[in-house]
């Protein structure tokens, strides 16, 4: 009986909560939101500059004529 092996199953319990990736999802959402807000602000600024240029030039056709003259050097 000395050569007999005993087969014993052991079960390990763990009370550790795995939180990998939880904080990164929130951070990623915040970064996407801030990026979208920055793009929206840049777009609004571009539109307001275009409107101011149209007003300063005296209308949309005058703006196009002035822009073409500035680009070609005429």
PDB file of N, CA and C in Angstrom:
ATOM      1  N   UNK A   1       0.798  -1.195   0.000  1.00  0.00           N
ATOM      2  CA  UNK A   1       0.000   0.000   0.000  1.00  0.00           C
ATOM      3  C   UNK A   1       0.845   1.266   0.000  1.00  0.00           C
ATOM      4  N   UNK A   2       2.113   1.139   0.033  1.00  0.00           N
ATOM      5  CA  UNK A   2       2.954   2.318   0.043  1.00  0.00           C
ATOM      6  C   UNK A   2       3.000   2.999  -1.320  1.00  0.00           C
ATOM      7  N   UNK A   3       2.772   2.298  -2.385  1.00  0.00           N
ATOM      8  CA  UNK A   3       2.899   2.847  -3.725  1.00  0.00           C
ATOM      9  C   UNK A   3       1.587   3.403  -4.280  1.00  0.00           C
ATOM     10  N   UNK A   4       0.547   3.441  -3.561  1.00  0.00           N
ATOM     11  CA  UNK A   4      -0.726   3.955  -4.059  1.00  0.00           C
ATOM     12  C   UNK A   4      -0.728   5.477  -3.981  1.00  0.00           C
ATOM     13  N   UNK A   5      -1.253   6.051  -5.005  1.00  0.00           N
ATOM     14  CA  UNK A   5      -1.354   7.519  -5.047  1.00  0.00           C
ATOM     15  C   UNK A   5      -2.779   7.911  -4.715  1.00  0.00           C
ATOM     16  N   UNK A   6      -2.885   9.021  -4.053  1.00  0.00           N
ATOM     17  CA  UNK A   6      -4.217   9.529  -3.723  1.00  0.00           C
ATOM     18  C   UNK A   6      -4.557  10.668  -4.684  1.00  0.00           C
ATOM     19  N   UNK A   7      -5.713  10.584  -5.275  1.00  0.00           N
ATOM     20  CA  UNK A   7      -6.196  11.637  -6.154  1.00  0.00           C
ATOM     21  C   UNK A   7      -7.117  12.527  -5.337  1.00  0.00           C
ATOM     22  N   UNK A   8      -6.695  13.747  -5.167  1.00  0.00           N
ATOM     23  CA  UNK A   8      -7.490  14.692  -4.380  1.00  0.00           C
ATOM     24  C   UNK A   8      -7.740  15.921  -5.237  1.00  0.00           C
ATOM     25  N   UNK A   9      -8.986  16.331  -5.328  1.00  0.00           N
ATOM     26  CA  UNK A   9      -9.335  17.547  -6.052  1.00  0.00           C
ATOM     27  C   UNK A   9      -9.419  18.684  -5.039  1.00  0.00           C
ATOM     28  N   UNK A  10      -8.795  19.775  -5.384  1.00  0.00           N
ATOM     29  CA  UNK A  10      -8.870  20.944  -4.507  1.00  0.00           C
ATOM     30  C   UNK A  10      -9.565  22.066  -5.259  1.00  0.00           C
ATOM     31  N   UNK A  11     -10.365  22.789  -4.569  1.00  0.00           N
ATOM     32  CA  UNK A  11     -11.087  23.900  -5.149  1.00  0.00           C
ATOM     33  C   UNK A  11     -10.624  25.171  -4.440  1.00  0.00           C
ATOM     34  N   UNK A  12     -10.237  26.153  -5.234  1.00  0.00           N
ATOM     35  CA  UNK A  12      -9.756  27.410  -4.672  1.00  0.00           C
ATOM     36  C   UNK A  12     -10.800  28.481  -4.915  1.00  0.00           C
ATOM     37  N   UNK A  13     -11.137  29.203  -3.878  1.00  0.00           N
ATOM     38  CA  UNK A  13     -12.091  30.303  -4.001  1.00  0.00           C
ATOM     39  C   UNK A  13     -11.337  31.616  -3.884  1.00  0.00           C
ATOM     40  N   UNK A  14     -11.765  32.572  -4.656  1.00  0.00           N
ATOM     41  CA  UNK A  14     -11.115  33.875  -4.639  1.00  0.00           C
ATOM     42  C   UNK A  14     -12.183  34.957  -4.521  1.00  0.00           C
ATOM     43  N   UNK A  15     -11.941  35.918  -3.700  1.00  0.00           N
ATOM     44  CA  UNK A  15     -12.864  37.037  -3.526  1.00  0.00           C
ATOM     45  C   UNK A  15     -12.329  38.303  -4.180  1.00  0.00           C
ATOM     46  N   UNK A  16     -11.453  38.160  -5.138  1.00  0.00           N
ATOM     47  CA  UNK A  16     -10.849  39.307  -5.802  1.00  0.00           C
ATOM     48  C   UNK A  16     -11.743  39.739  -6.953  1.00  0.00           C
ATOM     49  N   UNK A  17     -12.046  41.023  -7.015  1.00  0.00           N
ATOM     50  CA  UNK A  17     -12.858  41.583  -8.089  1.00  0.00           C
ATOM     51  C   UNK A  17     -11.921  42.113  -9.167  1.00  0.00           C
ATOM     52  N   UNK A  18     -12.085  41.644 -10.374  1.00  0.00           N
ATOM     53  CA  UNK A  18     -11.232  42.071 -11.480  1.00  0.00           C
ATOM     54  C   UNK A  18     -11.858  43.306 -12.115  1.00  0.00           C
ATOM     55  N   UNK A  19     -11.122  44.396 -12.126  1.00  0.00           N
ATOM     56  CA  UNK A  19     -11.641  45.654 -12.664  1.00  0.00           C
ATOM     57  C   UNK A  19     -10.807  46.155 -13.834  1.00  0.00           C
ATOM     58  N   UNK A  20     -10.121  45.280 -14.521  1.00  0.00           N
ATOM     59  CA  UNK A  20      -9.321  45.718 -15.666  1.00  0.00           C
ATOM     60  C   UNK A  20     -10.223  46.225 -16.775  1.00  0.00           C
ATOM     61  N   UNK A  21      -9.967  47.431 -17.252  1.00  0.00           N
ATOM     62  CA  UNK A  21     -10.713  47.981 -18.373  1.00  0.00           C
ATOM     63  C   UNK A  21     -11.893  48.834 -17.997  1.00  0.00           C
ATOM     64  N   UNK A  22     -12.296  48.878 -16.753  1.00  0.00           N
ATOM     65  CA  UNK A  22     -13.468  49.666 -16.386  1.00  0.00           C
ATOM     66  C   UNK A  22     -13.152  51.151 -16.461  1.00  0.00           C
ATOM     67  N   UNK A  23     -12.045  51.555 -15.889  1.00  0.00           N
ATOM     68  CA  UNK A  23     -11.672  52.964 -15.900  1.00  0.00           C
ATOM     69  C   UNK A  23     -11.254  53.458 -17.266  1.00  0.00           C
ATOM     70  N   UNK A  24     -10.707  52.589 -18.087  1.00  0.00           N
ATOM     71  CA  UNK A  24     -10.264  53.018 -19.406  1.00  0.00           C
ATOM     72  C   UNK A  24     -11.442  53.305 -20.329  1.00  0.00           C
ATOM     73  N   UNK A  25     -12.553  52.624 -20.151  1.00  0.00           N
ATOM     74  CA  UNK A  25     -13.730  52.898 -20.974  1.00  0.00           C
ATOM     75  C   UNK A  25     -14.273  54.291 -20.683  1.00  0.00           C
ATOM     76  N   UNK A  26     -14.305  54.669 -19.428  1.00  0.00           N
ATOM     77  CA  UNK A  26     -14.794  55.991 -19.055  1.00  0.00           C
ATOM     78  C   UNK A  26     -13.856  57.060 -19.597  1.00  0.00           C
ATOM     79  N   UNK A  27     -12.566  56.832 -19.479  1.00  0.00           N
ATOM     80  CA  UNK A  27     -11.581  57.787 -19.975  1.00  0.00           C
ATOM     81  C   UNK A  27     -11.666  57.913 -21.488  1.00  0.00           C
ATOM     82  N   UNK A  28     -11.846  56.813 -22.164  1.00  0.00           N
ATOM     83  CA  UNK A  28     -11.949  56.848 -23.621  1.00  0.00           C
ATOM     84  C   UNK A  28     -13.200  57.622 -24.050  1.00  0.00           C
ATOM     85  N   UNK A  29     -14.294  57.440 -23.362  1.00  0.00           N
ATOM     86  CA  UNK A  29     -15.514  58.193 -23.679  1.00  0.00           C
ATOM     87  C   UNK A  29     -15.345  59.676 -23.456  1.00  0.00           C
ATOM     88  N   UNK A  30     -14.641  60.039 -22.398  1.00  0.00           N
ATOM     89  CA  UNK A  30     -14.399  61.456 -22.123  1.00  0.00           C
ATOM     90  C   UNK A  30     -13.514  62.076 -23.200  1.00  0.00           C
ATOM     91  N   UNK A  31     -12.516  61.351 -23.649  1.00  0.00           N
ATOM     92  CA  UNK A  31     -11.619  61.871 -24.684  1.00  0.00           C
ATOM     93  C   UNK A  31     -12.373  62.051 -25.997  1.00  0.00           C
ATOM     94  N   UNK A  32     -13.225  61.104 -26.333  1.00  0.00           N
ATOM     95  CA  UNK A  32     -14.010  61.219 -27.567  1.00  0.00           C
ATOM     96  C   UNK A  32     -14.965  62.404 -27.469  1.00  0.00           C
ATOM     97  N   UNK A  33     -15.575  62.593 -26.309  1.00  0.00           N
ATOM     98  CA  UNK A  33     -16.480  63.720 -26.121  1.00  0.00           C
ATOM     99  C   UNK A  33     -15.766  65.056 -26.219  1.00  0.00           C
ATOM    100  N   UNK A  34     -14.588  65.158 -25.615  1.00  0.00           N
ATOM    101  CA  UNK A  34     -13.825  66.400 -25.695  1.00  0.00           C
ATOM    102  C   UNK A  34     -13.344  66.671 -27.119  1.00  0.00           C
ATOM    103  N   UNK A  35     -12.954  65.628 -27.823  1.00  0.00           N
ATOM    104  CA  UNK A  35     -12.535  65.801 -29.214  1.00  0.00           C
ATOM    105  C   UNK A  35     -13.679  66.270 -30.104  1.00  0.00           C
ATOM    106  N   UNK A  36     -14.859  65.714 -29.887  1.00  0.00           N
ATOM    107  CA  UNK A  36     -16.025  66.127 -30.669  1.00  0.00           C
ATOM    108  C   UNK A  36     -16.395  67.577 -30.361  1.00  0.00           C
ATOM    109  N   UNK A  37     -16.275  67.970 -29.091  1.00  0.00           N
ATOM    110  CA  UNK A  37     -16.588  69.341 -28.720  1.00  0.00           C
ATOM    111  C   UNK A  37     -15.577  70.306 -29.343  1.00  0.00           C
ATOM    112  N   UNK A  38     -14.302  69.939 -29.361  1.00  0.00           N
ATOM    113  CA  UNK A  38     -13.282  70.791 -29.973  1.00  0.00           C
ATOM    114  C   UNK A  38     -13.513  70.927 -31.476  1.00  0.00           C
ATOM    115  N   UNK A  39     -13.881  69.836 -32.133  1.00  0.00           N
ATOM    116  CA  UNK A  39     -14.169  69.897 -33.571  1.00  0.00           C
ATOM    117  C   UNK A  39     -15.391  70.770 -33.844  1.00  0.00           C
ATOM    118  N   UNK A  40     -16.390  70.683 -32.991  1.00  0.00           N
ATOM    119  CA  UNK A  40     -17.576  71.525 -33.147  1.00  0.00           C
ATOM    120  C   UNK A  40     -17.265  73.002 -32.961  1.00  0.00           C
ATOM    121  N   UNK A  41     -16.419  73.308 -31.984  1.00  0.00           N
ATOM    122  CA  UNK A  41     -16.029  74.702 -31.774  1.00  0.00           C
ATOM    123  C   UNK A  41     -15.218  75.237 -32.951  1.00  0.00           C
ATOM    124  N   UNK A  42     -14.316  74.445 -33.491  1.00  0.00           N
ATOM    125  CA  UNK A  42     -13.527  74.869 -34.656  1.00  0.00           C
ATOM    126  C   UNK A  42     -14.429  75.091 -35.862  1.00  0.00           C
ATOM    127  N   UNK A  43     -15.417  74.220 -36.058  1.00  0.00           N
ATOM    128  CA  UNK A  43     -16.355  74.392 -37.163  1.00  0.00           C
ATOM    129  C   UNK A  43     -17.208  75.640 -37.016  1.00  0.00           C
ATOM    130  N   UNK A  44     -17.672  75.912 -35.795  1.00  0.00           N
ATOM    131  CA  UNK A  44     -18.469  77.115 -35.554  1.00  0.00           C
ATOM    132  C   UNK A  44     -17.634  78.371 -35.782  1.00  0.00           C
ATOM    133  N   UNK A  45     -16.361  78.320 -35.387  1.00  0.00           N
ATOM    134  CA  UNK A  45     -15.477  79.463 -35.602  1.00  0.00           C
ATOM    135  C   UNK A  45     -15.259  79.689 -37.097  1.00  0.00           C
ATOM    136  N   UNK A  46     -15.081  78.618 -37.866  1.00  0.00           N
ATOM    137  CA  UNK A  46     -14.884  78.751 -39.308  1.00  0.00           C
ATOM    138  C   UNK A  46     -16.108  79.353 -39.985  1.00  0.00           C
ATOM    139  N   UNK A  47     -17.278  78.921 -39.585  1.00  0.00           N
ATOM    140  CA  UNK A  47     -18.509  79.459 -40.182  1.00  0.00           C
ATOM    141  C   UNK A  47     -18.677  80.932 -39.825  1.00  0.00           C
ATOM    142  N   UNK A  48     -18.377  81.283 -38.579  1.00  0.00           N
ATOM    143  CA  UNK A  48     -18.517  82.687 -38.182  1.00  0.00           C
ATOM    144  C   UNK A  48     -17.505  83.569 -38.915  1.00  0.00           C
ATOM    145  N   UNK A  49     -16.294  83.064 -39.178  1.00  0.00           N
ATOM    146  CA  UNK A  49     -15.315  83.824 -39.955  1.00  0.00           C
ATOM    147  C   UNK A  49     -15.783  84.003 -41.392  1.00  0.00           C
ATOM    148  N   UNK A  50     -16.388  82.982 -41.964  1.00  0.00           N
ATOM    149  CA  UNK A  50     -16.904  83.085 -43.332  1.00  0.00           C
ATOM    150  C   UNK A  50     -18.042  84.100 -43.417  1.00  0.00           C
ATOM    151  N   UNK A  51     -18.917  84.082 -42.451  1.00  0.00           N
ATOM    152  CA  UNK A  51     -20.024  85.049 -42.425  1.00  0.00           C
ATOM    153  C   UNK A  51     -19.481  86.466 -42.268  1.00  0.00           C
ATOM    154  N   UNK A  52     -18.482  86.646 -41.398  1.00  0.00           N
ATOM    155  CA  UNK A  52     -17.882  87.973 -41.230  1.00  0.00           C
ATOM    156  C   UNK A  52     -17.207  88.433 -42.515  1.00  0.00           C
ATOM    157  N   UNK A  53     -16.576  87.522 -43.253  1.00  0.00           N
ATOM    158  CA  UNK A  53     -15.961  87.882 -44.530  1.00  0.00           C
ATOM    159  C   UNK A  53     -16.985  88.288 -45.565  1.00  0.00           C
ATOM    160  N   UNK A  54     -18.112  87.599 -45.603  1.00  0.00           N
ATOM    161  CA  UNK A  54     -19.181  87.953 -46.539  1.00  0.00           C
ATOM    162  C   UNK A  54     -19.718  89.334 -46.212  1.00  0.00           C
ATOM    163  N   UNK A  55     -19.883  89.625 -44.939  1.00  0.00           N
ATOM    164  CA  UNK A  55     -20.408  90.934 -44.527  1.00  0.00           C
ATOM    165  C   UNK A  55     -19.394  92.031 -44.858  1.00  0.00           C
ATOM    166  N   UNK A  56     -18.105  91.790 -44.593  1.00  0.00           N
ATOM    167  CA  UNK A  56     -17.081  92.802 -44.842  1.00  0.00           C
ATOM    168  C   UNK A  56     -16.872  93.046 -46.336  1.00  0.00           C
ATOM    169  N   UNK A  57     -17.040  92.021 -47.167  1.00  0.00           N
ATOM    170  CA  UNK A  57     -16.822  92.169 -48.602  1.00  0.00           C
ATOM    171  C   UNK A  57     -18.012  92.821 -49.294  1.00  0.00           C
ATOM    172  N   UNK A  58     -19.169  92.784 -48.687  1.00  0.00           N
ATOM    173  CA  UNK A  58     -20.341  93.391 -49.301  1.00  0.00           C
ATOM    174  C   UNK A  58     -21.249  92.379 -49.965  1.00  0.00           C
ATOM    175  N   UNK A  59     -21.080  91.120 -49.692  1.00  0.00           N
ATOM    176  CA  UNK A  59     -21.942  90.091 -50.252  1.00  0.00           C
ATOM    177  C   UNK A  59     -21.128  88.881 -50.677  1.00  0.00           C
ATOM    178  N   UNK A  60     -21.828  87.793 -50.968  1.00  0.00           N
ATOM    179  CA  UNK A  60     -21.101  86.564 -51.312  1.00  0.00           C
ATOM    180  C   UNK A  60     -20.368  86.646 -52.652  1.00  0.00           C
ATOM    181  N   UNK A  61     -20.939  87.339 -53.634  1.00  0.00           N
ATOM    182  CA  UNK A  61     -20.277  87.441 -54.937  1.00  0.00           C
ATOM    183  C   UNK A  61     -19.039  88.321 -54.816  1.00  0.00           C
ATOM    184  N   UNK A  62     -19.142  89.398 -54.057  1.00  0.00           N
ATOM    185  CA  UNK A  62     -17.975  90.265 -53.853  1.00  0.00           C
ATOM    186  C   UNK A  62     -16.883  89.512 -53.103  1.00  0.00           C
ATOM    187  N   UNK A  63     -17.256  88.635 -52.183  1.00  0.00           N
ATOM    188  CA  UNK A  63     -16.266  87.838 -51.464  1.00  0.00           C
ATOM    189  C   UNK A  63     -15.535  86.900 -52.414  1.00  0.00           C
ATOM    190  N   UNK A  64     -16.260  86.249 -53.311  1.00  0.00           N
ATOM    191  CA  UNK A  64     -15.639  85.331 -54.271  1.00  0.00           C
ATOM    192  C   UNK A  64     -14.712  86.087 -55.214  1.00  0.00           C
ATOM    193  N   UNK A  65     -15.138  87.255 -55.692  1.00  0.00           N
ATOM    194  CA  UNK A  65     -14.305  88.058 -56.591  1.00  0.00           C
ATOM    195  C   UNK A  65     -13.050  88.524 -55.866  1.00  0.00           C
ATOM    196  N   UNK A  66     -13.192  88.967 -54.623  1.00  0.00           N
ATOM    197  CA  UNK A  66     -12.031  89.408 -53.843  1.00  0.00           C
ATOM    198  C   UNK A  66     -11.092  88.245 -53.553  1.00  0.00           C
ATOM    199  N   UNK A  67     -11.641  87.078 -53.230  1.00  0.00           N
ATOM    200  CA  UNK A  67     -10.807  85.898 -52.944  1.00  0.00           C
ATOM    201  C   UNK A  67     -10.032  85.485 -54.188  1.00  0.00           C
ATOM    202  N   UNK A  68     -10.716  85.485 -55.340  1.00  0.00           N
ATOM    203  CA  UNK A  68     -10.051  85.102 -56.581  1.00  0.00           C
ATOM    204  C   UNK A  68      -8.939  86.091 -56.935  1.00  0.00           C
ATOM    205  N   UNK A  69      -9.199  87.375 -56.714  1.00  0.00           N
ATOM    206  CA  UNK A  69      -8.169  88.389 -56.958  1.00  0.00           C
ATOM    207  C   UNK A  69      -6.978  88.236 -56.032  1.00  0.00           C
ATOM    208  N   UNK A  70      -7.227  87.874 -54.777  1.00  0.00           N
ATOM    209  CA  UNK A  70      -6.124  87.685 -53.829  1.00  0.00           C
ATOM    210  C   UNK A  70      -5.305  86.448 -54.152  1.00  0.00           C
ATOM    211  N   UNK A  71      -5.950  85.389 -54.619  1.00  0.00           N
ATOM    212  CA  UNK A  71      -5.232  84.153 -54.918  1.00  0.00           C
ATOM    213  C   UNK A  71      -4.414  84.294 -56.201  1.00  0.00           C
ATOM    214  N   UNK A  72      -4.985  84.922 -57.234  1.00  0.00           N
ATOM    215  CA  UNK A  72      -4.275  85.037 -58.506  1.00  0.00           C
ATOM    216  C   UNK A  72      -3.311  86.222 -58.529  1.00  0.00           C
ATOM    217  N   UNK A  73      -3.481  87.182 -57.650  1.00  0.00           N
ATOM    218  CA  UNK A  73      -2.602  88.361 -57.622  1.00  0.00           C
ATOM    219  C   UNK A  73      -3.011  89.459 -58.543  1.00  0.00           C
ATOM    220  N   UNK A  74      -4.199  89.396 -59.061  1.00  0.00           N
ATOM    221  CA  UNK A  74      -4.688  90.436 -59.974  1.00  0.00           C
ATOM    222  C   UNK A  74      -5.229  91.605 -59.180  1.00  0.00           C
TER     223      UNK A  74
END
